[in-house]
């Protein structure tokens, strides 16, 4: 899927931002990523509220294979194929995906701001390092 196709596909949803991501595109609205267009297909953000709708349509979660295993990403589910022909219903699914992405954003812990000071560690007094005199220096001073 190319950028122009995705813009047309989400036209009834409203303006979207499309950025290169992995092997395809990340699709966002209001600064929140809610869909992925990859070689494997188009995937919408999902959560415990929306996953039953995807399951009812026979959709599967996004997955990819590594050398060791297959990884299932349960937060993105495949867009039901019938929605490619129904832009009004696709817009409803896209709104639900955006809402799921916003709910996930709220659940995340806020990131620490750069430059923010960490709590100070308790100061401990350090003992000064003992000075060691080498044997050569000691003998030089005594022998003249």
C-alpha atoms as a PDB file:
ATOM      1  CA  UNK A   1       0.000   0.000   0.000  1.00  0.00           C
ATOM      2  CA  UNK A   2       1.371   3.376  -0.888  1.00  0.00           C
ATOM      3  CA  UNK A   3       0.944   6.699   0.900  1.00  0.00           C
ATOM      4  CA  UNK A   4      -1.749   8.031  -1.483  1.00  0.00           C
ATOM      5  CA  UNK A   5      -3.838   4.877  -1.146  1.00  0.00           C
ATOM      6  CA  UNK A   6      -3.722   5.173   2.658  1.00  0.00           C
ATOM      7  CA  UNK A   7      -4.720   8.845   2.573  1.00  0.00           C
ATOM      8  CA  UNK A   8      -7.717   7.951   0.389  1.00  0.00           C
ATOM      9  CA  UNK A   9      -8.568   4.939   2.552  1.00  0.00           C
ATOM     10  CA  UNK A  10      -8.790   7.062   5.717  1.00  0.00           C
ATOM     11  CA  UNK A  11     -10.503  10.046   4.029  1.00  0.00           C
ATOM     12  CA  UNK A  12     -13.825   9.490   5.858  1.00  0.00           C
ATOM     13  CA  UNK A  13     -11.947   9.214   9.167  1.00  0.00           C
ATOM     14  CA  UNK A  14     -10.258  12.585   8.771  1.00  0.00           C
ATOM     15  CA  UNK A  15      -6.732  13.862   8.251  1.00  0.00           C
ATOM     16  CA  UNK A  16      -3.980  11.390   9.096  1.00  0.00           C
ATOM     17  CA  UNK A  17      -0.213  11.645   9.287  1.00  0.00           C
ATOM     18  CA  UNK A  18       1.649   8.893   7.494  1.00  0.00           C
ATOM     19  CA  UNK A  19       5.302   8.236   8.300  1.00  0.00           C
ATOM     20  CA  UNK A  20       7.761   5.616   7.050  1.00  0.00           C
ATOM     21  CA  UNK A  21       8.070   2.858   9.627  1.00  0.00           C
ATOM     22  CA  UNK A  22       9.728  -0.561   9.413  1.00  0.00           C
ATOM     23  CA  UNK A  23       8.695  -2.079   6.087  1.00  0.00           C
ATOM     24  CA  UNK A  24       5.721   0.239   5.616  1.00  0.00           C
ATOM     25  CA  UNK A  25       4.004   3.171   7.293  1.00  0.00           C
ATOM     26  CA  UNK A  26       2.794   4.297  10.698  1.00  0.00           C
ATOM     27  CA  UNK A  27      -0.573   6.063  10.579  1.00  0.00           C
ATOM     28  CA  UNK A  28      -1.443   8.599  13.249  1.00  0.00           C
ATOM     29  CA  UNK A  29      -3.982  11.257  14.130  1.00  0.00           C
ATOM     30  CA  UNK A  30      -3.569  13.999  16.718  1.00  0.00           C
ATOM     31  CA  UNK A  31      -0.003  12.775  17.348  1.00  0.00           C
ATOM     32  CA  UNK A  32      -1.118   9.252  18.280  1.00  0.00           C
ATOM     33  CA  UNK A  33      -0.178   6.240  16.168  1.00  0.00           C
ATOM     34  CA  UNK A  34      -3.254   4.031  15.682  1.00  0.00           C
ATOM     35  CA  UNK A  35      -2.471   1.916  12.597  1.00  0.00           C
ATOM     36  CA  UNK A  36       0.390   0.209  10.783  1.00  0.00           C
ATOM     37  CA  UNK A  37       0.578  -0.503   7.076  1.00  0.00           C
ATOM     38  CA  UNK A  38       3.174  -3.226   6.562  1.00  0.00           C
ATOM     39  CA  UNK A  39       3.982  -5.802   3.899  1.00  0.00           C
ATOM     40  CA  UNK A  40       1.829  -8.211   5.894  1.00  0.00           C
ATOM     41  CA  UNK A  41      -1.231  -5.929   5.656  1.00  0.00           C
ATOM     42  CA  UNK A  42      -3.011  -3.121   7.475  1.00  0.00           C
ATOM     43  CA  UNK A  43      -3.237  -3.365  11.268  1.00  0.00           C
ATOM     44  CA  UNK A  44      -5.253  -1.243  13.709  1.00  0.00           C
ATOM     45  CA  UNK A  45      -4.447  -0.607  17.352  1.00  0.00           C
ATOM     46  CA  UNK A  46      -6.540  -2.792  19.668  1.00  0.00           C
ATOM     47  CA  UNK A  47      -7.050  -3.380  23.378  1.00  0.00           C
ATOM     48  CA  UNK A  48      -9.329  -5.391  25.657  1.00  0.00           C
ATOM     49  CA  UNK A  49     -12.282  -3.234  24.545  1.00  0.00           C
ATOM     50  CA  UNK A  50     -11.840  -3.691  20.783  1.00  0.00           C
ATOM     51  CA  UNK A  51     -10.184  -7.125  20.431  1.00  0.00           C
ATOM     52  CA  UNK A  52     -13.569  -8.946  20.578  1.00  0.00           C
ATOM     53  CA  UNK A  53     -14.655  -7.028  17.440  1.00  0.00           C
ATOM     54  CA  UNK A  54     -11.549  -8.201  15.576  1.00  0.00           C
ATOM     55  CA  UNK A  55     -12.060 -11.771  16.768  1.00  0.00           C
ATOM     56  CA  UNK A  56     -15.691 -11.697  15.602  1.00  0.00           C
ATOM     57  CA  UNK A  57     -14.445 -10.729  12.118  1.00  0.00           C
ATOM     58  CA  UNK A  58     -11.900 -13.560  12.086  1.00  0.00           C
ATOM     59  CA  UNK A  59      -8.928 -11.194  12.202  1.00  0.00           C
ATOM     60  CA  UNK A  60      -5.599 -12.136  13.707  1.00  0.00           C
ATOM     61  CA  UNK A  61      -3.069 -10.107  15.710  1.00  0.00           C
ATOM     62  CA  UNK A  62       0.081  -8.867  14.005  1.00  0.00           C
ATOM     63  CA  UNK A  63       2.936 -11.342  14.188  1.00  0.00           C
ATOM     64  CA  UNK A  64       6.448 -11.695  12.875  1.00  0.00           C
ATOM     65  CA  UNK A  65       9.106 -14.361  12.998  1.00  0.00           C
ATOM     66  CA  UNK A  66      12.614 -14.173  14.363  1.00  0.00           C
ATOM     67  CA  UNK A  67      15.219 -16.900  14.046  1.00  0.00           C
ATOM     68  CA  UNK A  68      14.155 -18.329  17.383  1.00  0.00           C
ATOM     69  CA  UNK A  69      10.388 -17.828  17.544  1.00  0.00           C
ATOM     70  CA  UNK A  70       7.216 -16.186  16.283  1.00  0.00           C
ATOM     71  CA  UNK A  71       6.306 -12.985  18.112  1.00  0.00           C
ATOM     72  CA  UNK A  72       2.618 -12.076  18.435  1.00  0.00           C
ATOM     73  CA  UNK A  73       1.869  -8.356  18.922  1.00  0.00           C
ATOM     74  CA  UNK A  74      -1.565  -8.366  20.530  1.00  0.00           C
ATOM     75  CA  UNK A  75      -1.882  -4.576  20.416  1.00  0.00           C
ATOM     76  CA  UNK A  76      -2.283  -4.461  16.602  1.00  0.00           C
ATOM     77  CA  UNK A  77      -4.868  -6.547  14.737  1.00  0.00           C
ATOM     78  CA  UNK A  78      -5.428  -7.087  11.034  1.00  0.00           C
ATOM     79  CA  UNK A  79      -8.080  -4.892   9.434  1.00  0.00           C
ATOM     80  CA  UNK A  80     -11.005  -7.046   8.241  1.00  0.00           C
ATOM     81  CA  UNK A  81     -10.791  -7.242   4.428  1.00  0.00           C
ATOM     82  CA  UNK A  82     -14.413  -6.172   3.900  1.00  0.00           C
ATOM     83  CA  UNK A  83     -13.619  -2.715   5.353  1.00  0.00           C
ATOM     84  CA  UNK A  84     -11.440  -1.807   2.365  1.00  0.00           C
ATOM     85  CA  UNK A  85     -14.716  -1.414   0.435  1.00  0.00           C
ATOM     86  CA  UNK A  86     -16.707   0.366   3.177  1.00  0.00           C
ATOM     87  CA  UNK A  87     -15.008   3.661   3.992  1.00  0.00           C
ATOM     88  CA  UNK A  88     -17.719   4.805   6.427  1.00  0.00           C
ATOM     89  CA  UNK A  89     -17.387   1.684   8.577  1.00  0.00           C
ATOM     90  CA  UNK A  90     -13.601   1.784   8.252  1.00  0.00           C
ATOM     91  CA  UNK A  91     -13.741   5.286   9.746  1.00  0.00           C
ATOM     92  CA  UNK A  92     -15.631   3.876  12.779  1.00  0.00           C
ATOM     93  CA  UNK A  93     -13.003   1.157  13.233  1.00  0.00           C
ATOM     94  CA  UNK A  94     -10.238   3.770  12.871  1.00  0.00           C
ATOM     95  CA  UNK A  95     -11.868   5.927  15.581  1.00  0.00           C
ATOM     96  CA  UNK A  96     -12.037   2.874  17.861  1.00  0.00           C
ATOM     97  CA  UNK A  97      -8.353   2.147  17.123  1.00  0.00           C
ATOM     98  CA  UNK A  98      -7.419   5.754  17.928  1.00  0.00           C
ATOM     99  CA  UNK A  99      -9.358   5.495  21.204  1.00  0.00           C
ATOM    100  CA  UNK A 100      -7.512   2.242  22.041  1.00  0.00           C
ATOM    101  CA  UNK A 101      -4.172   3.947  21.334  1.00  0.00           C
ATOM    102  CA  UNK A 102      -5.140   6.890  23.545  1.00  0.00           C
ATOM    103  CA  UNK A 103      -6.168   4.536  26.369  1.00  0.00           C
ATOM    104  CA  UNK A 104      -2.815   2.766  26.078  1.00  0.00           C
ATOM    105  CA  UNK A 105      -1.019   6.121  26.217  1.00  0.00           C
ATOM    106  CA  UNK A 106      -2.792   6.993  29.472  1.00  0.00           C
ATOM    107  CA  UNK A 107      -1.825   3.642  31.037  1.00  0.00           C
ATOM    108  CA  UNK A 108       1.886   4.195  30.380  1.00  0.00           C
ATOM    109  CA  UNK A 109       3.967   5.767  33.084  1.00  0.00           C
ATOM    110  CA  UNK A 110       5.021   9.318  32.288  1.00  0.00           C
ATOM    111  CA  UNK A 111       8.578   9.574  31.003  1.00  0.00           C
ATOM    112  CA  UNK A 112      11.100  11.471  33.076  1.00  0.00           C
ATOM    113  CA  UNK A 113      12.061  14.796  31.540  1.00  0.00           C
ATOM    114  CA  UNK A 114      15.610  15.154  30.334  1.00  0.00           C
ATOM    115  CA  UNK A 115      17.764  17.098  32.729  1.00  0.00           C
ATOM    116  CA  UNK A 116      15.458  16.441  35.649  1.00  0.00           C
ATOM    117  CA  UNK A 117      17.434  15.931  38.795  1.00  0.00           C
ATOM    118  CA  UNK A 118      17.421  12.569  40.448  1.00  0.00           C
ATOM    119  CA  UNK A 119      16.991  12.331  44.200  1.00  0.00           C
ATOM    120  CA  UNK A 120      20.332  13.056  45.833  1.00  0.00           C
ATOM    121  CA  UNK A 121      22.190  10.136  47.282  1.00  0.00           C
ATOM    122  CA  UNK A 122      23.001  10.201  50.953  1.00  0.00           C
ATOM    123  CA  UNK A 123      26.425  11.756  51.363  1.00  0.00           C
ATOM    124  CA  UNK A 124      29.002   9.563  53.035  1.00  0.00           C
ATOM    125  CA  UNK A 125      32.287  10.802  54.351  1.00  0.00           C
ATOM    126  CA  UNK A 126      35.228   9.296  52.536  1.00  0.00           C
ATOM    127  CA  UNK A 127      38.450   8.626  54.338  1.00  0.00           C
ATOM    128  CA  UNK A 128      41.432  10.319  52.754  1.00  0.00           C
ATOM    129  CA  UNK A 129      43.711   7.906  50.977  1.00  0.00           C
ATOM    130  CA  UNK A 130      46.723   6.993  53.070  1.00  0.00           C
ATOM    131  CA  UNK A 131      49.983   8.148  51.584  1.00  0.00           C
ATOM    132  CA  UNK A 132      52.412   5.362  50.973  1.00  0.00           C
ATOM    133  CA  UNK A 133      56.070   6.039  50.709  1.00  0.00           C
ATOM    134  CA  UNK A 134      58.036   3.783  48.559  1.00  0.00           C
ATOM    135  CA  UNK A 135      61.094   2.098  50.021  1.00  0.00           C
ATOM    136  CA  UNK A 136      63.350   3.899  47.542  1.00  0.00           C
ATOM    137  CA  UNK A 137      62.144   7.352  48.611  1.00  0.00           C
ATOM    138  CA  UNK A 138      62.602   6.472  52.284  1.00  0.00           C
ATOM    139  CA  UNK A 139      66.176   5.331  51.768  1.00  0.00           C
ATOM    140  CA  UNK A 140      67.093   8.330  49.625  1.00  0.00           C
ATOM    141  CA  UNK A 141      66.130  10.716  52.372  1.00  0.00           C
ATOM    142  CA  UNK A 142      68.109   8.946  55.004  1.00  0.00           C
ATOM    143  CA  UNK A 143      71.202   8.276  52.915  1.00  0.00           C
ATOM    144  CA  UNK A 144      73.263  11.244  51.791  1.00  0.00           C
END
